Amino acid sequence: MPRYHRRYTGTKGLLLFVPIAAIIAGSSLFAAREPAPAIALLVVLVFVAFVVAIFSTLTVEVTDRELVFGFALGVMRRRIPMTDIVRAQRIILPW
């Protein structure tokens, strides 16, 4: 059973995706005369949406045996045994 479990959601990243998607969608309308640029822009839009979805959520879990953290869908998940942790300190990130 976890002693600590927290899911952090980056709402700023999710909100930033909206204007990016609008710019890419608008650009694809102008490029619609040629199918290749429109398709390329839509591929970029899907890629950006995937990246935003993955990195918008970070989950941290602390149990008696390990520290587990990772992004959405288990991307870059790390498990660190408590025996490997030498020290910990609280920090505040400016951003």
N, C-alpha and C. Protein backbone atom coordinates (compact mmCIF):
# COMPACT_ATOMS: atom_id res chain seq x y z
N MET A 1 0.85 -1.17 0.00
CA MET A 1 0.00 0.00 0.00
C MET A 1 0.90 1.25 0.00
N PRO A 2 0.63 2.21 -0.91
CA PRO A 2 1.49 3.39 -0.97
C PRO A 2 1.33 4.29 0.25
N ARG A 3 2.46 4.85 0.68
CA ARG A 3 2.42 5.83 1.77
C ARG A 3 2.14 7.22 1.21
N TYR A 4 2.50 7.41 -0.07
CA TYR A 4 2.28 8.69 -0.72
C TYR A 4 1.96 8.41 -2.19
N HIS A 5 0.91 9.04 -2.68
CA HIS A 5 0.54 8.90 -4.09
C HIS A 5 -0.01 10.24 -4.57
N ARG A 6 0.59 10.77 -5.60
CA ARG A 6 0.13 12.08 -6.09
C ARG A 6 0.25 12.12 -7.60
N ARG A 7 -0.78 12.64 -8.24
CA ARG A 7 -0.76 12.84 -9.69
C ARG A 7 -0.74 14.34 -9.94
N TYR A 8 0.30 14.79 -10.59
CA TYR A 8 0.46 16.20 -10.93
C TYR A 8 0.03 16.40 -12.38
N THR A 9 -0.82 17.37 -12.61
CA THR A 9 -1.31 17.65 -13.95
C THR A 9 -0.86 19.03 -14.37
N GLY A 10 -0.23 19.10 -15.53
CA GLY A 10 0.24 20.37 -16.08
C GLY A 10 -0.83 20.99 -16.96
N THR A 11 -1.75 21.72 -16.35
CA THR A 11 -2.84 22.31 -17.12
C THR A 11 -2.34 23.39 -18.07
N LYS A 12 -1.22 24.04 -17.75
CA LYS A 12 -0.69 25.05 -18.66
C LYS A 12 -0.27 24.42 -19.98
N GLY A 13 0.31 23.25 -19.92
CA GLY A 13 0.69 22.56 -21.15
C GLY A 13 -0.52 22.17 -21.98
N LEU A 14 -1.56 21.73 -21.29
CA LEU A 14 -2.78 21.37 -22.00
C LEU A 14 -3.42 22.60 -22.64
N LEU A 15 -3.42 23.72 -21.91
CA LEU A 15 -4.00 24.95 -22.46
C LEU A 15 -3.15 25.52 -23.59
N LEU A 16 -1.85 25.31 -23.54
CA LEU A 16 -0.97 25.78 -24.59
C LEU A 16 -1.20 25.01 -25.89
N PHE A 17 -1.67 23.80 -25.78
CA PHE A 17 -1.92 22.99 -26.97
C PHE A 17 -3.02 23.59 -27.84
N VAL A 18 -4.00 24.24 -27.25
CA VAL A 18 -5.14 24.78 -28.01
C VAL A 18 -4.68 25.79 -29.06
N PRO A 19 -3.89 26.83 -28.71
CA PRO A 19 -3.48 27.75 -29.77
C PRO A 19 -2.52 27.10 -30.78
N ILE A 20 -1.69 26.16 -30.32
CA ILE A 20 -0.81 25.46 -31.25
C ILE A 20 -1.64 24.67 -32.26
N ALA A 21 -2.65 23.99 -31.77
CA ALA A 21 -3.52 23.22 -32.66
C ALA A 21 -4.26 24.13 -33.62
N ALA A 22 -4.69 25.29 -33.14
CA ALA A 22 -5.39 26.24 -34.01
C ALA A 22 -4.47 26.75 -35.12
N ILE A 23 -3.23 27.05 -34.78
CA ILE A 23 -2.27 27.53 -35.79
C ILE A 23 -1.99 26.45 -36.83
N ILE A 24 -1.79 25.23 -36.37
CA ILE A 24 -1.51 24.13 -37.30
C ILE A 24 -2.73 23.84 -38.16
N ALA A 25 -3.91 23.85 -37.55
CA ALA A 25 -5.13 23.60 -38.32
C ALA A 25 -5.36 24.71 -39.34
N GLY A 26 -5.13 25.97 -38.94
CA GLY A 26 -5.28 27.08 -39.88
C GLY A 26 -4.28 27.00 -41.01
N SER A 27 -3.05 26.61 -40.69
CA SER A 27 -2.03 26.46 -41.72
C SER A 27 -2.39 25.35 -42.70
N SER A 28 -2.98 24.30 -42.19
CA SER A 28 -3.35 23.20 -43.08
C SER A 28 -4.47 23.60 -44.02
N LEU A 29 -5.33 24.54 -43.61
CA LEU A 29 -6.38 25.03 -44.51
C LEU A 29 -5.76 25.80 -45.68
N PHE A 30 -4.73 26.59 -45.40
CA PHE A 30 -4.07 27.32 -46.47
C PHE A 30 -3.27 26.39 -47.37
N ALA A 31 -2.80 25.32 -46.83
CA ALA A 31 -2.01 24.37 -47.62
C ALA A 31 -2.90 23.30 -48.25
N ALA A 32 -4.20 23.43 -48.14
CA ALA A 32 -5.11 22.39 -48.61
C ALA A 32 -5.10 22.25 -50.14
N ARG A 33 -4.53 23.22 -50.84
CA ARG A 33 -4.47 23.11 -52.30
C ARG A 33 -3.61 21.92 -52.71
N GLU A 34 -2.60 21.65 -51.91
CA GLU A 34 -1.72 20.50 -52.15
C GLU A 34 -1.91 19.51 -50.99
N PRO A 35 -2.22 18.27 -51.25
CA PRO A 35 -2.49 17.33 -50.15
C PRO A 35 -1.27 17.00 -49.30
N ALA A 36 -0.08 16.99 -49.87
CA ALA A 36 1.10 16.59 -49.10
C ALA A 36 1.39 17.54 -47.94
N PRO A 37 1.41 18.87 -48.12
CA PRO A 37 1.65 19.75 -46.96
C PRO A 37 0.54 19.66 -45.91
N ALA A 38 -0.69 19.51 -46.35
CA ALA A 38 -1.80 19.40 -45.39
C ALA A 38 -1.66 18.14 -44.55
N ILE A 39 -1.28 17.06 -45.18
CA ILE A 39 -1.09 15.81 -44.44
C ILE A 39 0.08 15.94 -43.47
N ALA A 40 1.16 16.58 -43.92
CA ALA A 40 2.32 16.77 -43.05
C ALA A 40 1.96 17.61 -41.83
N LEU A 41 1.18 18.66 -42.02
CA LEU A 41 0.77 19.50 -40.89
C LEU A 41 -0.12 18.72 -39.92
N LEU A 42 -1.00 17.90 -40.45
CA LEU A 42 -1.85 17.09 -39.58
C LEU A 42 -1.04 16.05 -38.81
N VAL A 43 -0.01 15.51 -39.43
CA VAL A 43 0.88 14.57 -38.73
C VAL A 43 1.57 15.29 -37.58
N VAL A 44 2.03 16.52 -37.83
CA VAL A 44 2.67 17.31 -36.77
C VAL A 44 1.67 17.57 -35.65
N LEU A 45 0.44 17.90 -35.99
CA LEU A 45 -0.59 18.16 -34.98
C LEU A 45 -0.83 16.93 -34.12
N VAL A 46 -0.90 15.77 -34.73
CA VAL A 46 -1.11 14.53 -33.97
C VAL A 46 0.09 14.26 -33.07
N PHE A 47 1.30 14.49 -33.58
CA PHE A 47 2.50 14.28 -32.78
C PHE A 47 2.53 15.22 -31.58
N VAL A 48 2.22 16.49 -31.80
CA VAL A 48 2.20 17.46 -30.69
C VAL A 48 1.14 17.08 -29.67
N ALA A 49 -0.02 16.65 -30.14
CA ALA A 49 -1.09 16.21 -29.22
C ALA A 49 -0.63 15.03 -28.38
N PHE A 50 0.08 14.10 -29.00
CA PHE A 50 0.59 12.92 -28.28
C PHE A 50 1.60 13.34 -27.22
N VAL A 51 2.53 14.21 -27.58
CA VAL A 51 3.55 14.66 -26.63
C VAL A 51 2.91 15.41 -25.46
N VAL A 52 1.95 16.29 -25.75
CA VAL A 52 1.27 17.04 -24.69
C VAL A 52 0.52 16.09 -23.78
N ALA A 53 -0.16 15.11 -24.36
CA ALA A 53 -0.92 14.15 -23.54
C ALA A 53 0.01 13.34 -22.63
N ILE A 54 1.15 12.94 -23.14
CA ILE A 54 2.09 12.14 -22.35
C ILE A 54 2.67 12.95 -21.19
N PHE A 55 3.19 14.14 -21.49
CA PHE A 55 3.95 14.89 -20.50
C PHE A 55 3.11 15.86 -19.67
N SER A 56 1.80 15.83 -19.82
CA SER A 56 0.96 16.72 -19.02
C SER A 56 0.65 16.14 -17.64
N THR A 57 0.95 14.87 -17.42
CA THR A 57 0.65 14.23 -16.14
C THR A 57 1.88 13.47 -15.63
N LEU A 58 2.23 13.74 -14.39
CA LEU A 58 3.33 13.03 -13.72
C LEU A 58 2.77 12.40 -12.45
N THR A 59 3.01 11.12 -12.29
CA THR A 59 2.55 10.41 -11.10
C THR A 59 3.75 10.01 -10.25
N VAL A 60 3.66 10.31 -8.95
CA VAL A 60 4.70 9.97 -7.99
C VAL A 60 4.07 9.11 -6.90
N GLU A 61 4.73 8.00 -6.60
CA GLU A 61 4.23 7.09 -5.57
C GLU A 61 5.41 6.64 -4.70
N VAL A 62 5.20 6.69 -3.39
CA VAL A 62 6.23 6.25 -2.45
C VAL A 62 5.62 5.12 -1.62
N THR A 63 6.30 3.98 -1.63
CA THR A 63 5.88 2.86 -0.79
C THR A 63 6.98 2.59 0.23
N ASP A 64 6.80 1.56 1.03
CA ASP A 64 7.83 1.19 2.00
C ASP A 64 9.10 0.68 1.31
N ARG A 65 8.97 0.21 0.09
CA ARG A 65 10.10 -0.42 -0.60
C ARG A 65 10.71 0.41 -1.71
N GLU A 66 9.92 1.31 -2.35
CA GLU A 66 10.45 2.01 -3.51
C GLU A 66 9.76 3.35 -3.77
N LEU A 67 10.44 4.14 -4.58
CA LEU A 67 9.90 5.38 -5.12
C LEU A 67 9.63 5.13 -6.59
N VAL A 68 8.41 5.39 -7.03
CA VAL A 68 8.02 5.16 -8.42
C VAL A 68 7.50 6.47 -8.98
N PHE A 69 8.00 6.85 -10.16
CA PHE A 69 7.47 8.03 -10.83
C PHE A 69 7.50 7.82 -12.33
N GLY A 70 6.55 8.44 -13.01
CA GLY A 70 6.48 8.32 -14.46
C GLY A 70 5.38 9.20 -15.01
N PHE A 71 5.46 9.40 -16.31
CA PHE A 71 4.47 10.22 -17.00
C PHE A 71 3.29 9.36 -17.42
N ALA A 72 2.31 9.98 -18.05
CA ALA A 72 1.10 9.29 -18.47
C ALA A 72 1.44 8.09 -19.35
N LEU A 73 0.61 7.09 -19.30
CA LEU A 73 0.75 5.85 -20.05
C LEU A 73 2.04 5.08 -19.70
N GLY A 74 2.64 5.38 -18.56
CA GLY A 74 3.83 4.66 -18.13
C GLY A 74 5.11 5.05 -18.86
N VAL A 75 5.08 6.17 -19.56
CA VAL A 75 6.26 6.61 -20.31
C VAL A 75 7.33 7.07 -19.33
N MET A 76 8.54 6.61 -19.55
CA MET A 76 9.70 6.95 -18.73
C MET A 76 9.46 6.67 -17.25
N ARG A 77 8.83 5.57 -16.96
CA ARG A 77 8.58 5.18 -15.57
C ARG A 77 9.88 4.68 -14.94
N ARG A 78 10.12 5.14 -13.73
CA ARG A 78 11.33 4.74 -13.00
C ARG A 78 10.94 4.20 -11.64
N ARG A 79 11.64 3.16 -11.23
CA ARG A 79 11.46 2.56 -9.91
C ARG A 79 12.80 2.61 -9.20
N ILE A 80 12.84 3.26 -8.05
CA ILE A 80 14.08 3.38 -7.29
C ILE A 80 13.86 2.72 -5.93
N PRO A 81 14.61 1.67 -5.62
CA PRO A 81 14.47 1.03 -4.31
C PRO A 81 14.87 2.01 -3.20
N MET A 82 14.19 1.94 -2.08
CA MET A 82 14.48 2.82 -0.94
C MET A 82 15.91 2.62 -0.44
N THR A 83 16.44 1.44 -0.61
CA THR A 83 17.81 1.19 -0.16
C THR A 83 18.84 1.96 -0.98
N ASP A 84 18.47 2.39 -2.20
CA ASP A 84 19.38 3.16 -3.06
C ASP A 84 19.34 4.66 -2.78
N ILE A 85 18.36 5.12 -2.02
CA ILE A 85 18.21 6.55 -1.75
C ILE A 85 19.05 6.90 -0.52
N VAL A 86 20.03 7.78 -0.71
CA VAL A 86 20.94 8.16 0.36
C VAL A 86 20.39 9.33 1.16
N ARG A 87 19.86 10.34 0.46
CA ARG A 87 19.29 11.49 1.15
C ARG A 87 18.23 12.12 0.27
N ALA A 88 17.42 12.97 0.88
CA ALA A 88 16.38 13.70 0.14
C ALA A 88 16.25 15.08 0.75
N GLN A 89 15.92 16.03 -0.09
CA GLN A 89 15.67 17.37 0.42
C GLN A 89 14.55 18.02 -0.39
N ARG A 90 13.88 18.93 0.22
CA ARG A 90 12.79 19.64 -0.43
C ARG A 90 13.36 20.79 -1.23
N ILE A 91 12.88 20.92 -2.47
CA ILE A 91 13.27 22.06 -3.30
C ILE A 91 12.02 22.68 -3.90
N ILE A 92 12.13 23.94 -4.26
CA ILE A 92 11.04 24.64 -4.92
C ILE A 92 11.57 25.06 -6.29
N LEU A 93 10.92 24.59 -7.33
CA LEU A 93 11.31 24.96 -8.68
C LEU A 93 10.69 26.30 -9.05
N PRO A 94 11.45 27.20 -9.64
CA PRO A 94 10.93 28.53 -9.91
C PRO A 94 9.83 28.58 -10.95
N TRP A 95 9.73 27.60 -11.80
CA TRP A 95 8.71 27.61 -12.83
C TRP A 95 7.52 26.82 -12.41
